[in-house]
Amino acid sequence: VVSETNSALSAQEAHSQAVSRTQEANQAQKERQKESESRMNGYPERMAGVTALTIPLTIFQGFTWLGAKLPGGAGRAMGRMNEDANQMKEAFSQMDSQMEAQSQGQEGHRAALEGDSERLNTVSSQGEESRGNLDTANQGAQGLANANQKTIQNASDAEQEAASQGAKLDAAAESKKEEHRSTKERLVTWAKGHRDARTAANQQSASQS
């Protein structure tokens, strides 16, 4: 169990590091977003300047359009200037559209980054909570392992004590058996001697009669 909780803690640590790296990347991206927004903040002023140019450009377009109808080289020159004016006005229009789209995209991107940041913070908080739970579980598992080890040691000590007491009892029983055997042999010897003495006395008494 301790090994499993240690493995889980290692995995949790790796997960926390990955979340931390992702948070750092998200923060860096938010900084770049702010820089981009700062540049975009100058968009209205730039477009105001473009708008100011658009008015005389439109007048110039009309003038060159009429001039292009002149015959000869003058008309052709006016026609080329009219084409240039048209291209410039188209470029202004495209720039305005691109800046507007980029501005709208910035809003969506910022919202997405904020959402990612909130989710990462939630994951990080959950990871810290999981880490705390795993630490508690690891401590509990370690305590259980220590308790089991102590129980095993106590059982081993009790077994050794029982074996020692058993050996002492066996030795005492063997000693009693030996003592009983010795007493029995002495009684047998005494009884035989007593019987022999009586037999001898009886024989002596009979011979005297």
Protein backbone atom coordinates (compact mmCIF):
# COMPACT_ATOMS: atom_id res chain seq x y z
CA VAL A 1 0.00 0.00 0.00
CA VAL A 2 2.84 2.38 0.90
CA SER A 3 4.50 1.68 -2.47
CA GLU A 4 1.24 2.35 -4.30
CA THR A 5 0.64 5.64 -2.48
CA ASN A 6 4.24 6.69 -3.15
CA SER A 7 3.70 5.96 -6.86
CA ALA A 8 0.48 7.97 -6.77
CA LEU A 9 2.34 10.84 -5.11
CA SER A 10 4.99 10.75 -7.85
CA ALA A 11 2.29 10.84 -10.53
CA GLN A 12 0.55 13.69 -8.69
CA GLU A 13 3.83 15.62 -8.52
CA ALA A 14 4.35 15.17 -12.27
CA HIS A 15 0.78 16.34 -12.89
CA SER A 16 1.32 19.42 -10.68
CA GLN A 17 4.50 20.28 -12.57
CA ALA A 18 2.69 19.92 -15.90
CA VAL A 19 -0.13 22.19 -14.68
CA SER A 20 2.44 24.71 -13.45
CA ARG A 21 4.20 24.75 -16.82
CA THR A 22 0.86 25.18 -18.59
CA GLN A 23 -0.03 28.05 -16.27
CA GLU A 24 3.29 29.72 -17.04
CA ALA A 25 2.68 29.32 -20.77
CA ASN A 26 -0.84 30.68 -20.37
CA GLN A 27 0.48 33.68 -18.44
CA ALA A 28 3.10 34.35 -21.11
CA GLN A 29 0.42 34.17 -23.78
CA LYS A 30 -1.72 36.61 -21.80
CA GLU A 31 1.25 39.01 -21.68
CA ARG A 32 1.61 38.77 -25.44
CA GLN A 33 -2.13 39.33 -25.71
CA LYS A 34 -1.80 42.53 -23.68
CA GLU A 35 1.02 43.74 -25.92
CA SER A 36 -1.09 43.01 -28.98
CA GLU A 37 -4.05 44.82 -27.45
CA SER A 38 -1.80 47.76 -26.64
CA ARG A 39 -0.85 47.98 -30.29
CA MET A 40 -4.49 47.58 -31.27
CA ASN A 41 -5.43 50.49 -29.02
CA GLY A 42 -3.78 52.79 -31.55
CA TYR A 43 -6.07 51.44 -34.28
CA PRO A 44 -8.75 54.19 -34.01
CA GLU A 45 -6.15 56.94 -34.38
CA ARG A 46 -4.53 55.27 -37.37
CA MET A 47 -7.88 54.66 -39.01
CA ALA A 48 -8.84 58.28 -38.39
CA GLY A 49 -5.75 59.26 -40.36
CA VAL A 50 -6.68 56.80 -43.11
CA THR A 51 -10.21 58.22 -43.20
CA ALA A 52 -8.78 61.71 -43.52
CA LEU A 53 -6.80 60.49 -46.56
CA THR A 54 -9.80 58.68 -48.01
CA ILE A 55 -11.74 61.89 -48.66
CA PRO A 56 -9.15 63.57 -50.90
CA LEU A 57 -8.35 60.16 -52.39
CA THR A 58 -11.99 59.78 -53.43
CA ILE A 59 -11.89 63.23 -55.02
CA PHE A 60 -8.67 62.29 -56.78
CA GLN A 61 -10.30 59.07 -58.00
CA GLY A 62 -13.10 61.05 -59.58
CA PHE A 63 -10.71 63.52 -61.15
CA THR A 64 -8.47 60.85 -62.66
CA TRP A 65 -11.50 58.89 -63.81
CA LEU A 66 -12.63 61.87 -65.81
CA GLY A 67 -9.07 62.59 -66.97
CA ALA A 68 -8.69 59.02 -68.20
CA LYS A 69 -11.31 59.83 -70.83
CA LEU A 70 -9.03 62.37 -72.46
CA PRO A 71 -7.47 61.25 -75.73
CA GLY A 72 -3.84 60.38 -76.17
CA GLY A 73 -1.08 60.08 -73.63
CA ALA A 74 -2.69 62.44 -71.13
CA GLY A 75 -5.73 60.19 -70.90
CA ARG A 76 -3.58 57.10 -70.48
CA ALA A 77 -1.55 58.79 -67.71
CA MET A 78 -4.73 59.80 -65.94
CA GLY A 79 -6.00 56.23 -66.33
CA ARG A 80 -2.89 54.84 -64.64
CA MET A 81 -3.23 57.33 -61.81
CA ASN A 82 -6.87 56.33 -61.46
CA GLU A 83 -5.88 52.67 -61.19
CA ASP A 84 -3.32 53.57 -58.52
CA ALA A 85 -5.96 55.53 -56.62
CA ASN A 86 -8.38 52.59 -56.87
CA GLN A 87 -5.74 50.17 -55.57
CA MET A 88 -4.85 52.51 -52.71
CA LYS A 89 -8.49 52.88 -51.70
CA GLU A 90 -8.93 49.09 -51.87
CA ALA A 91 -5.85 48.68 -49.68
CA PHE A 92 -7.33 51.13 -47.16
CA SER A 93 -10.58 49.16 -47.17
CA GLN A 94 -8.79 45.83 -46.66
CA MET A 95 -6.67 47.28 -43.86
CA ASP A 96 -9.80 48.55 -42.13
CA SER A 97 -11.46 45.12 -42.44
CA GLN A 98 -8.37 43.31 -41.19
CA MET A 99 -7.94 45.61 -38.21
CA GLU A 100 -11.61 45.23 -37.32
CA ALA A 101 -11.43 41.45 -37.57
CA GLN A 102 -8.24 41.40 -35.51
CA SER A 103 -9.87 43.59 -32.87
CA GLN A 104 -12.83 41.22 -32.62
CA GLY A 105 -10.48 38.24 -32.57
CA GLN A 106 -8.55 39.82 -29.70
CA GLU A 107 -11.73 39.90 -27.62
CA GLY A 108 -12.46 36.24 -28.27
CA HIS A 109 -8.84 35.25 -27.69
CA ARG A 110 -8.69 37.16 -24.41
CA ALA A 111 -11.91 35.48 -23.24
CA ALA A 112 -10.48 32.07 -24.18
CA LEU A 113 -7.27 32.80 -22.27
CA GLU A 114 -9.23 33.88 -19.21
CA GLY A 115 -11.29 30.69 -19.45
CA ASP A 116 -8.13 28.59 -19.74
CA SER A 117 -6.65 30.41 -16.76
CA GLU A 118 -9.72 29.70 -14.63
CA ARG A 119 -9.73 26.04 -15.63
CA LEU A 120 -6.01 25.74 -14.88
CA ASN A 121 -6.51 27.34 -11.48
CA THR A 122 -9.34 24.89 -10.79
CA VAL A 123 -7.18 21.93 -11.87
CA SER A 124 -4.31 23.24 -9.76
CA SER A 125 -6.57 23.57 -6.70
CA GLN A 126 -7.94 20.08 -7.26
CA GLY A 127 -4.39 18.80 -7.67
CA GLU A 128 -3.36 20.37 -4.35
CA GLU A 129 -6.41 18.82 -2.68
CA SER A 130 -5.56 15.44 -4.20
CA ARG A 131 -1.96 15.85 -3.05
CA GLY A 132 -3.20 16.50 0.49
CA ASN A 133 -5.43 13.43 0.35
CA LEU A 134 -2.55 11.32 -0.96
CA ASP A 135 -0.25 12.62 1.77
CA THR A 136 -2.88 11.67 4.36
CA ALA A 137 -3.34 8.26 2.74
CA ASN A 138 0.42 7.74 2.62
CA GLN A 139 0.76 8.63 6.30
CA GLY A 140 -2.11 6.26 7.12
CA ALA A 141 -0.57 3.50 5.03
CA GLN A 142 2.82 4.05 6.66
CA GLY A 143 1.21 3.96 10.09
CA LEU A 144 -0.64 0.77 9.17
CA ALA A 145 2.57 -0.79 7.88
CA ASN A 146 4.37 0.15 11.10
CA ALA A 147 1.49 -1.27 13.17
CA ASN A 148 1.54 -4.48 11.13
CA GLN A 149 5.30 -4.75 11.56
CA LYS A 150 4.93 -4.25 15.31
CA THR A 151 2.17 -6.87 15.45
CA ILE A 152 4.35 -9.31 13.50
CA GLN A 153 7.28 -8.61 15.83
CA ASN A 154 5.08 -9.11 18.90
CA ALA A 155 3.78 -12.38 17.47
CA SER A 156 7.33 -13.51 16.74
CA ASP A 157 8.44 -12.60 20.26
CA ALA A 158 5.44 -14.46 21.71
CA GLU A 159 6.24 -17.49 19.57
CA GLN A 160 9.85 -17.48 20.75
CA GLU A 161 8.73 -17.10 24.37
CA ALA A 162 6.27 -19.97 23.97
CA ALA A 163 8.99 -22.11 22.42
CA SER A 164 11.32 -21.26 25.31
CA GLN A 165 8.65 -22.10 27.88
CA GLY A 166 7.88 -25.31 26.01
CA ALA A 167 11.54 -26.29 26.11
CA LYS A 168 11.66 -25.57 29.83
CA LEU A 169 8.53 -27.66 30.43
CA ASP A 170 9.96 -30.50 28.35
CA ALA A 171 13.18 -30.35 30.35
CA ALA A 172 11.23 -30.33 33.63
CA ALA A 173 9.11 -33.27 32.49
CA GLU A 174 12.20 -35.21 31.46
CA SER A 175 13.78 -34.44 34.82
CA LYS A 176 10.67 -35.69 36.63
CA LYS A 177 10.67 -38.85 34.53
CA GLU A 178 14.33 -39.46 35.35
CA GLU A 179 13.68 -38.83 39.04
CA HIS A 180 10.70 -41.20 38.95
CA ARG A 181 12.78 -43.84 37.18
CA SER A 182 15.57 -43.51 39.76
CA THR A 183 13.10 -43.74 42.66
CA LYS A 184 11.48 -46.79 41.14
CA GLU A 185 14.86 -48.48 40.70
CA ARG A 186 15.74 -47.76 44.35
CA LEU A 187 12.39 -49.16 45.50
CA VAL A 188 12.88 -52.27 43.40
CA THR A 189 16.38 -52.74 44.81
CA TRP A 190 15.09 -52.18 48.36
CA ALA A 191 12.20 -54.60 47.85
CA LYS A 192 14.51 -57.24 46.45
CA GLY A 193 16.93 -56.80 49.33
CA HIS A 194 14.10 -56.95 51.84
CA ARG A 195 12.75 -60.11 50.23
CA ASP A 196 16.17 -61.73 50.18
CA ALA A 197 16.67 -60.83 53.85
CA ARG A 198 13.34 -62.38 54.82
CA THR A 199 14.12 -65.47 52.81
CA ALA A 200 17.48 -65.82 54.52
CA ALA A 201 15.90 -65.28 57.95
CA ASN A 202 13.26 -67.88 57.29
CA GLN A 203 15.86 -70.37 56.12
CA GLN A 204 17.96 -69.74 59.21
CA SER A 205 14.95 -70.16 61.51
CA ALA A 206 14.00 -73.41 59.82
CA SER A 207 17.48 -74.85 60.16
CA GLN A 208 17.55 -74.07 63.87
CA SER A 209 14.26 -75.85 64.45
